[in-house]
Amino acid sequence: MRITRLAAALVAAAITATALASCSDDEGSTDAPVLSVTIEGADVRPNAQAIDLASGEELEVEVESDRAGELHVHAKPEQYLEFDAGTTHATLVITTPGSVEVEDHETGAVVALLQVR
């Protein structure tokens, strides 16, 4: 009976250690800033959302749209993010510091102003 209690205690300790290790594991999680864009016809949101980025930092972009289109990223070099109707996920990386506009091509609406440092 003593061996059974010891075995049970060891198993419980192993399970607890595994659970704690998985809770503290940041690998695979992302702290990247997110730009969420919603397009319904000519209504485009957000309107010039300010986002600060470090040069080379990833920006997660999620576009929920009722039409296909394209976002223009006025960085050096320029970037284009094509999206379909529905939900599109993409990642942008800006390496040249400065102020960068992100606009919906069809309407010209500026959805974000990125300050890259």
C-alpha atoms as a PDB file:
ATOM      1  CA  MET A   1       0.000   0.000   0.000  1.00  0.00           C
ATOM      2  CA  ARG A   2       2.911   2.303   0.718  1.00  0.00           C
ATOM      3  CA  ILE A   3       4.292   1.787  -2.815  1.00  0.00           C
ATOM      4  CA  THR A   4       0.880   2.612  -4.311  1.00  0.00           C
ATOM      5  CA  ARG A   5       0.732   5.919  -2.419  1.00  0.00           C
ATOM      6  CA  LEU A   6       4.283   6.765  -3.482  1.00  0.00           C
ATOM      7  CA  ALA A   7       3.485   5.927  -7.113  1.00  0.00           C
ATOM      8  CA  ALA A   8       0.317   8.034  -6.980  1.00  0.00           C
ATOM      9  CA  ALA A   9       2.259  10.961  -5.486  1.00  0.00           C
ATOM     10  CA  LEU A  10       4.919  10.702  -8.211  1.00  0.00           C
ATOM     11  CA  VAL A  11       2.302  10.609 -10.961  1.00  0.00           C
ATOM     12  CA  ALA A  12       0.523  13.634  -9.472  1.00  0.00           C
ATOM     13  CA  ALA A  13       3.818  15.543  -9.252  1.00  0.00           C
ATOM     14  CA  ALA A  14       4.650  14.707 -12.878  1.00  0.00           C
ATOM     15  CA  ILE A  15       1.225  15.871 -14.077  1.00  0.00           C
ATOM     16  CA  THR A  16       1.518  19.119 -12.101  1.00  0.00           C
ATOM     17  CA  ALA A  17       5.013  19.808 -13.458  1.00  0.00           C
ATOM     18  CA  THR A  18       3.848  19.184 -17.025  1.00  0.00           C
ATOM     19  CA  ALA A  19       0.831  21.458 -16.592  1.00  0.00           C
ATOM     20  CA  LEU A  20       2.952  24.260 -15.122  1.00  0.00           C
ATOM     21  CA  ALA A  21       5.521  23.963 -17.906  1.00  0.00           C
ATOM     22  CA  SER A  22       2.854  24.183 -20.591  1.00  0.00           C
ATOM     23  CA  CYS A  23       1.266  27.218 -18.933  1.00  0.00           C
ATOM     24  CA  SER A  24       4.535  29.122 -18.834  1.00  0.00           C
ATOM     25  CA  ASP A  25       5.557  28.199 -22.388  1.00  0.00           C
ATOM     26  CA  ASP A  26       5.302  31.326 -24.546  1.00  0.00           C
ATOM     27  CA  GLU A  27       6.564  29.570 -27.655  1.00  0.00           C
ATOM     28  CA  GLY A  28       4.013  29.834 -30.424  1.00  0.00           C
ATOM     29  CA  SER A  29       2.131  32.730 -28.858  1.00  0.00           C
ATOM     30  CA  THR A  30       2.245  36.091 -30.555  1.00  0.00           C
ATOM     31  CA  ASP A  31       2.208  39.575 -29.119  1.00  0.00           C
ATOM     32  CA  ALA A  32       2.158  41.180 -32.562  1.00  0.00           C
ATOM     33  CA  PRO A  33      -0.109  44.209 -32.926  1.00  0.00           C
ATOM     34  CA  VAL A  34      -3.318  43.552 -34.854  1.00  0.00           C
ATOM     35  CA  LEU A  35      -5.133  45.672 -37.440  1.00  0.00           C
ATOM     36  CA  SER A  36      -8.737  44.511 -37.870  1.00  0.00           C
ATOM     37  CA  VAL A  37     -10.419  45.951 -40.971  1.00  0.00           C
ATOM     38  CA  THR A  38     -14.133  45.652 -41.705  1.00  0.00           C
ATOM     39  CA  ILE A  39     -15.506  46.522 -45.137  1.00  0.00           C
ATOM     40  CA  GLU A  40     -19.227  46.665 -45.911  1.00  0.00           C
ATOM     41  CA  GLY A  41     -19.742  48.264 -49.317  1.00  0.00           C
ATOM     42  CA  ALA A  42     -18.288  51.776 -49.119  1.00  0.00           C
ATOM     43  CA  ASP A  43     -18.172  51.664 -45.293  1.00  0.00           C
ATOM     44  CA  VAL A  44     -14.579  50.948 -44.282  1.00  0.00           C
ATOM     45  CA  ARG A  45     -13.451  50.726 -40.646  1.00  0.00           C
ATOM     46  CA  PRO A  46     -11.310  51.657 -38.773  1.00  0.00           C
ATOM     47  CA  ASN A  47     -10.670  55.249 -39.766  1.00  0.00           C
ATOM     48  CA  ALA A  48      -6.922  56.059 -39.564  1.00  0.00           C
ATOM     49  CA  GLN A  49      -6.191  53.837 -36.555  1.00  0.00           C
ATOM     50  CA  ALA A  50      -2.795  54.829 -35.097  1.00  0.00           C
ATOM     51  CA  ILE A  51      -0.416  51.899 -34.603  1.00  0.00           C
ATOM     52  CA  ASP A  52       3.191  52.115 -33.368  1.00  0.00           C
ATOM     53  CA  LEU A  53       5.611  49.513 -34.726  1.00  0.00           C
ATOM     54  CA  ALA A  54       9.290  48.802 -34.423  1.00  0.00           C
ATOM     55  CA  SER A  55      11.145  48.435 -37.715  1.00  0.00           C
ATOM     56  CA  GLY A  56      10.851  44.780 -38.730  1.00  0.00           C
ATOM     57  CA  GLU A  57       8.024  44.050 -36.276  1.00  0.00           C
ATOM     58  CA  GLU A  58       5.137  41.960 -37.586  1.00  0.00           C
ATOM     59  CA  LEU A  59       1.676  43.485 -37.923  1.00  0.00           C
ATOM     60  CA  GLU A  60      -1.154  40.963 -38.067  1.00  0.00           C
ATOM     61  CA  VAL A  61      -3.912  42.104 -40.436  1.00  0.00           C
ATOM     62  CA  GLU A  62      -7.416  40.662 -40.481  1.00  0.00           C
ATOM     63  CA  VAL A  63      -9.826  41.854 -43.163  1.00  0.00           C
ATOM     64  CA  GLU A  64     -13.523  40.993 -42.957  1.00  0.00           C
ATOM     65  CA  SER A  65     -15.105  42.160 -46.203  1.00  0.00           C
ATOM     66  CA  ASP A  66     -18.220  41.727 -48.326  1.00  0.00           C
ATOM     67  CA  ARG A  67     -16.108  42.138 -51.482  1.00  0.00           C
ATOM     68  CA  ALA A  68     -12.662  41.352 -52.828  1.00  0.00           C
ATOM     69  CA  GLY A  69     -10.153  44.180 -52.860  1.00  0.00           C
ATOM     70  CA  GLU A  70      -6.712  45.379 -51.963  1.00  0.00           C
ATOM     71  CA  LEU A  71      -5.066  47.355 -49.184  1.00  0.00           C
ATOM     72  CA  HIS A  72      -2.183  49.615 -50.204  1.00  0.00           C
ATOM     73  CA  VAL A  73       0.631  49.981 -47.699  1.00  0.00           C
ATOM     74  CA  HIS A  74       2.484  53.185 -48.549  1.00  0.00           C
ATOM     75  CA  ALA A  75       5.842  52.077 -47.145  1.00  0.00           C
ATOM     76  CA  LYS A  76       9.233  51.958 -48.814  1.00  0.00           C
ATOM     77  CA  PRO A  77       8.962  49.644 -50.648  1.00  0.00           C
ATOM     78  CA  GLU A  78       5.186  49.762 -51.162  1.00  0.00           C
ATOM     79  CA  GLN A  79       3.238  46.642 -50.246  1.00  0.00           C
ATOM     80  CA  TYR A  80      -0.147  45.371 -51.386  1.00  0.00           C
ATOM     81  CA  LEU A  81      -2.447  43.094 -49.448  1.00  0.00           C
ATOM     82  CA  GLU A  82      -5.092  41.448 -51.609  1.00  0.00           C
ATOM     83  CA  PHE A  83      -8.194  40.127 -49.896  1.00  0.00           C
ATOM     84  CA  ASP A  84     -11.262  38.147 -50.938  1.00  0.00           C
ATOM     85  CA  ALA A  85     -14.824  38.442 -49.772  1.00  0.00           C
ATOM     86  CA  GLY A  86     -15.005  36.875 -46.339  1.00  0.00           C
ATOM     87  CA  THR A  87     -12.103  36.797 -43.894  1.00  0.00           C
ATOM     88  CA  THR A  88      -8.481  37.217 -44.918  1.00  0.00           C
ATOM     89  CA  HIS A  89      -5.491  36.994 -42.563  1.00  0.00           C
ATOM     90  CA  ALA A  90      -2.055  38.362 -43.463  1.00  0.00           C
ATOM     91  CA  THR A  91       1.146  39.608 -41.871  1.00  0.00           C
ATOM     92  CA  LEU A  92       2.898  42.844 -42.821  1.00  0.00           C
ATOM     93  CA  VAL A  93       6.473  43.773 -41.967  1.00  0.00           C
ATOM     94  CA  ILE A  94       7.712  47.340 -42.469  1.00  0.00           C
ATOM     95  CA  THR A  95      11.479  47.787 -42.322  1.00  0.00           C
ATOM     96  CA  THR A  96      11.863  51.466 -43.224  1.00  0.00           C
ATOM     97  CA  PRO A  97      11.125  53.863 -40.343  1.00  0.00           C
ATOM     98  CA  GLY A  98       8.582  56.631 -40.855  1.00  0.00           C
ATOM     99  CA  SER A  99       4.867  57.280 -41.126  1.00  0.00           C
ATOM    100  CA  VAL A 100       2.993  54.749 -43.293  1.00  0.00           C
ATOM    101  CA  GLU A 101      -0.617  54.953 -44.488  1.00  0.00           C
ATOM    102  CA  VAL A 102      -2.644  51.807 -45.092  1.00  0.00           C
ATOM    103  CA  GLU A 103      -5.607  52.470 -47.376  1.00  0.00           C
ATOM    104  CA  ASP A 104      -8.411  50.583 -49.054  1.00  0.00           C
ATOM    105  CA  HIS A 105      -7.713  50.823 -52.788  1.00  0.00           C
ATOM    106  CA  GLU A 106     -11.336  50.973 -53.938  1.00  0.00           C
ATOM    107  CA  THR A 107     -12.543  53.761 -51.639  1.00  0.00           C
ATOM    108  CA  GLY A 108      -9.251  55.479 -50.796  1.00  0.00           C
ATOM    109  CA  ALA A 109     -10.182  55.252 -47.108  1.00  0.00           C
ATOM    110  CA  VAL A 110      -7.154  55.325 -44.794  1.00  0.00           C
ATOM    111  CA  VAL A 111      -7.653  52.482 -42.313  1.00  0.00           C
ATOM    112  CA  ALA A 112      -4.386  52.851 -40.401  1.00  0.00           C
ATOM    113  CA  LEU A 113      -1.489  55.212 -39.823  1.00  0.00           C
ATOM    114  CA  LEU A 114       1.576  53.211 -38.870  1.00  0.00           C
ATOM    115  CA  GLN A 115       4.372  54.966 -37.028  1.00  0.00           C
ATOM    116  CA  VAL A 116       7.437  52.805 -37.673  1.00  0.00           C
ATOM    117  CA  ARG A 117      10.438  53.569 -35.456  1.00  0.00           C
END
